[in-house]
Amino acid sequence: MKPNDALDVSGHLQIYKIYKDGTEEKVFDDHNLITSGMGVGLSMLFAGQGSSIEDFQIRYFQIGTGAGTTNNPDYKTFKLVTPIPDTDAGRRQYGYVPNSSHPRMNSNGGGASDELFILIPDNAIKKSSPTSVTYVLYLTEQAVMTTDINEIGLFMNNPLSTLLGDQNKRSPLVAYREFTSLAKTEQYSLVFKWKLSF
């Protein structure tokens, strides 16, 4: 049995193009992959290991360009294949939205090098039922990617905070999805509606 089977967590991702004239085009609609990082985070939560509930909130996402270049992802996936880089050029691609530079959690719980994470604001997190939450992730027209994008991931804030002490946070990947490659241009905004059910 996979760790997340016992937790009974599932997710679904929809992607929309929103054009300047207000028209919408759905370009993706499918289930996502819940990764073992969700199991790590929820285990720590149930064990009372965090310093605050904020440690266990899903507060970041990343967009990437490398899907399909490695083996098929499974629940052990712990990173995007090729996330947008943690550079000034990378921040420009996202359109200078609120972001954070800190390590991602590796498969062994250790910290990777700093990566660029986009903050999910409070108003983008909606309780959609007693047991589900929807994250509405938005890339404005100003977000212009230099390469076609084809992967996205959600990250928990810092579930190992108590164990790490004063060390940098480590955000684990908790949900992942590859999608058909998109050229993100200034002609449209992209909206990712990601529903997680617990």
Protein backbone atom coordinates (compact mmCIF):
# COMPACT_ATOMS: atom_id res chain seq x y z
CA MET A 1 0.00 0.00 0.00
CA LYS A 2 1.24 3.49 -0.80
CA PRO A 3 1.50 5.92 2.14
CA ASN A 4 -1.19 8.22 0.77
CA ASP A 5 -3.70 5.38 0.30
CA ALA A 6 -4.06 5.26 4.09
CA LEU A 7 -4.45 9.04 4.23
CA ASP A 8 -7.06 8.98 1.43
CA VAL A 9 -5.89 12.27 -0.08
CA SER A 10 -6.76 13.02 -3.70
CA GLY A 11 -6.58 15.97 -6.04
CA HIS A 12 -7.80 17.38 -9.32
CA LEU A 13 -6.29 20.10 -11.51
CA GLN A 14 -7.95 22.33 -14.11
CA ILE A 15 -6.02 24.87 -16.19
CA TYR A 16 -7.66 27.81 -17.99
CA LYS A 17 -6.37 30.40 -20.42
CA ILE A 18 -8.03 33.79 -19.78
CA TYR A 19 -7.69 36.08 -22.80
CA LYS A 20 -7.64 39.88 -22.70
CA ASP A 21 -11.23 40.08 -23.97
CA GLY A 22 -12.39 37.94 -21.01
CA THR A 23 -12.95 34.68 -22.88
CA GLU A 24 -11.86 31.48 -21.15
CA GLU A 25 -10.45 28.30 -22.61
CA LYS A 26 -10.03 25.16 -20.53
CA VAL A 27 -6.79 23.50 -21.62
CA PHE A 28 -6.40 20.79 -18.96
CA ASP A 29 -8.69 18.81 -16.63
CA ASP A 30 -7.42 15.71 -14.83
CA HIS A 31 -6.42 14.14 -11.52
CA ASN A 32 -3.04 14.92 -10.02
CA LEU A 33 -0.42 12.90 -8.20
CA ILE A 34 -0.30 13.09 -4.39
CA THR A 35 3.31 12.56 -3.35
CA SER A 36 4.96 11.12 -0.26
CA GLY A 37 5.73 14.67 0.91
CA MET A 38 2.05 14.93 1.84
CA GLY A 39 2.47 11.85 4.02
CA VAL A 40 5.54 13.34 5.69
CA GLY A 41 3.75 16.61 6.43
CA LEU A 42 0.56 15.03 7.73
CA SER A 43 2.52 12.55 9.86
CA MET A 44 4.37 15.41 11.51
CA LEU A 45 1.10 17.31 11.99
CA PHE A 46 -0.64 14.34 13.66
CA ALA A 47 2.43 13.80 15.86
CA GLY A 48 2.28 17.42 17.02
CA GLN A 49 5.79 18.11 15.73
CA GLY A 50 5.35 21.57 14.18
CA SER A 51 5.86 24.88 15.91
CA SER A 52 2.57 26.24 14.46
CA ILE A 53 -0.24 25.24 12.11
CA GLU A 54 1.34 27.48 9.45
CA ASP A 55 4.15 24.93 9.13
CA PHE A 56 1.67 22.48 7.60
CA GLN A 57 -0.19 24.78 5.25
CA ILE A 58 0.29 24.42 1.51
CA ARG A 59 1.64 27.88 0.77
CA TYR A 60 3.86 27.61 -2.32
CA PHE A 61 3.83 26.42 -5.90
CA GLN A 62 6.33 26.06 -8.71
CA ILE A 63 5.98 25.90 -12.48
CA GLY A 64 8.42 23.83 -14.54
CA THR A 65 9.49 22.97 -18.05
CA GLY A 66 10.99 19.48 -17.83
CA ALA A 67 8.05 17.05 -17.72
CA GLY A 68 8.43 14.03 -19.95
CA THR A 69 12.24 14.11 -19.89
CA THR A 70 12.58 11.51 -17.11
CA ASN A 71 10.76 8.38 -15.94
CA ASN A 72 7.06 8.56 -15.21
CA PRO A 73 6.40 10.32 -11.90
CA ASP A 74 4.95 8.36 -9.00
CA TYR A 75 4.16 8.96 -5.32
CA LYS A 76 7.91 9.06 -4.55
CA THR A 77 8.35 12.18 -6.72
CA PHE A 78 9.87 14.94 -4.57
CA LYS A 79 10.66 17.73 -7.07
CA LEU A 80 9.76 19.22 -10.40
CA VAL A 81 12.00 18.03 -13.20
CA THR A 82 13.01 21.57 -14.24
CA PRO A 83 11.48 24.37 -12.11
CA ILE A 84 11.74 27.99 -13.20
CA PRO A 85 15.18 29.01 -11.86
CA ASP A 86 15.82 31.02 -8.70
CA THR A 87 17.26 34.02 -10.56
CA ASP A 88 16.17 37.55 -11.45
CA ALA A 89 15.28 36.19 -14.90
CA GLY A 90 13.16 33.49 -13.25
CA ARG A 91 11.30 36.07 -11.16
CA ARG A 92 10.65 38.13 -14.29
CA GLN A 93 9.10 35.07 -15.96
CA TYR A 94 6.59 34.83 -13.12
CA GLY A 95 5.82 38.55 -13.41
CA TYR A 96 7.38 39.53 -10.05
CA VAL A 97 4.64 37.99 -7.91
CA PRO A 98 5.32 37.45 -4.17
CA ASN A 99 7.94 34.74 -3.88
CA SER A 100 10.37 33.02 -1.56
CA SER A 101 13.85 31.60 -2.06
CA HIS A 102 14.55 28.64 0.21
CA PRO A 103 15.40 24.92 0.04
CA ARG A 104 13.04 22.20 -1.10
CA MET A 105 12.97 18.95 0.88
CA ASN A 106 14.92 16.12 -0.78
CA SER A 107 13.73 12.51 -0.87
CA ASN A 108 15.73 11.79 2.31
CA GLY A 109 14.37 14.82 4.22
CA GLY A 110 17.49 16.89 3.65
CA GLY A 111 17.48 20.33 2.10
CA ALA A 112 18.32 21.02 -1.52
CA SER A 113 19.84 24.26 -2.78
CA ASP A 114 17.60 27.32 -2.64
CA GLU A 115 14.79 27.28 -5.19
CA LEU A 116 12.24 29.86 -6.29
CA PHE A 117 8.76 29.32 -4.81
CA ILE A 118 5.69 31.41 -5.57
CA LEU A 119 3.62 32.31 -2.50
CA ILE A 120 -0.03 31.29 -2.54
CA PRO A 121 -1.91 34.25 -1.01
CA ASP A 122 -4.69 33.74 1.54
CA ASN A 123 -7.38 34.90 -0.90
CA ALA A 124 -6.36 32.14 -3.35
CA ILE A 125 -7.18 29.37 -0.85
CA LYS A 126 -10.87 28.43 -0.66
CA LYS A 127 -12.56 25.78 1.45
CA SER A 128 -14.76 24.12 -1.19
CA SER A 129 -16.38 21.50 1.08
CA PRO A 130 -15.94 20.24 4.65
CA THR A 131 -13.16 17.94 3.41
CA SER A 132 -11.63 19.79 0.44
CA VAL A 133 -9.64 22.93 -0.35
CA THR A 134 -9.23 24.64 -3.73
CA TYR A 135 -6.13 26.62 -4.59
CA VAL A 136 -6.58 29.19 -7.37
CA LEU A 137 -3.09 29.88 -8.74
CA TYR A 138 -2.82 32.78 -11.15
CA LEU A 139 -0.18 33.75 -13.69
CA THR A 140 -1.00 37.21 -15.06
CA GLU A 141 -0.45 38.41 -18.61
CA GLN A 142 2.87 39.86 -17.38
CA ALA A 143 4.13 36.33 -16.65
CA VAL A 144 5.96 35.44 -19.86
CA MET A 145 7.86 32.16 -19.86
CA THR A 146 10.93 31.78 -22.08
CA THR A 147 10.23 28.03 -22.53
CA ASP A 148 6.97 26.09 -22.80
CA ILE A 149 5.71 25.06 -19.36
CA ASN A 150 4.43 21.55 -18.68
CA GLU A 151 4.56 20.76 -14.95
CA ILE A 152 3.37 22.23 -11.67
CA GLY A 153 3.75 21.35 -8.00
CA LEU A 154 2.26 22.34 -4.64
CA PHE A 155 4.53 22.59 -1.60
CA MET A 156 3.85 22.49 2.14
CA ASN A 157 5.43 25.35 4.08
CA ASN A 158 7.83 23.81 6.61
CA PRO A 159 6.62 20.65 8.40
CA LEU A 160 10.07 19.83 9.80
CA SER A 161 10.42 23.19 11.56
CA THR A 162 10.66 21.69 15.05
CA LEU A 163 13.34 19.22 13.95
CA LEU A 164 15.25 21.82 11.93
CA GLY A 165 15.38 24.47 14.64
CA ASP A 166 17.07 27.57 13.27
CA GLN A 167 17.97 26.01 9.93
CA ASN A 168 16.31 27.18 6.71
CA LYS A 169 12.85 25.87 6.01
CA ARG A 170 12.46 22.83 3.76
CA SER A 171 9.27 22.72 1.73
CA PRO A 172 8.19 19.24 0.59
CA LEU A 173 6.36 18.64 -2.68
CA VAL A 174 2.88 17.37 -1.77
CA ALA A 175 1.11 17.28 -5.16
CA TYR A 176 2.41 17.18 -8.73
CA ARG A 177 1.03 17.18 -12.25
CA GLU A 178 2.43 17.12 -15.75
CA PHE A 179 0.30 18.75 -18.45
CA THR A 180 0.38 19.41 -22.18
CA SER A 181 3.09 21.96 -22.97
CA LEU A 182 1.89 25.58 -23.00
CA ALA A 183 3.63 28.65 -24.35
CA LYS A 184 2.84 31.25 -21.67
CA THR A 185 2.76 34.60 -23.46
CA GLU A 186 1.33 38.04 -22.68
CA GLN A 187 -1.72 37.19 -24.80
CA TYR A 188 -3.45 35.47 -21.89
CA SER A 189 -3.38 34.80 -18.16
CA LEU A 190 -3.28 31.26 -16.81
CA VAL A 191 -5.45 30.06 -13.94
CA PHE A 192 -4.73 26.75 -12.19
CA LYS A 193 -7.68 25.50 -10.12
CA TRP A 194 -6.31 22.77 -7.91
CA LYS A 195 -8.70 20.94 -5.58
CA LEU A 196 -7.36 18.70 -2.84
CA SER A 197 -9.70 16.41 -0.89
CA PHE A 198 -8.84 14.88 2.48
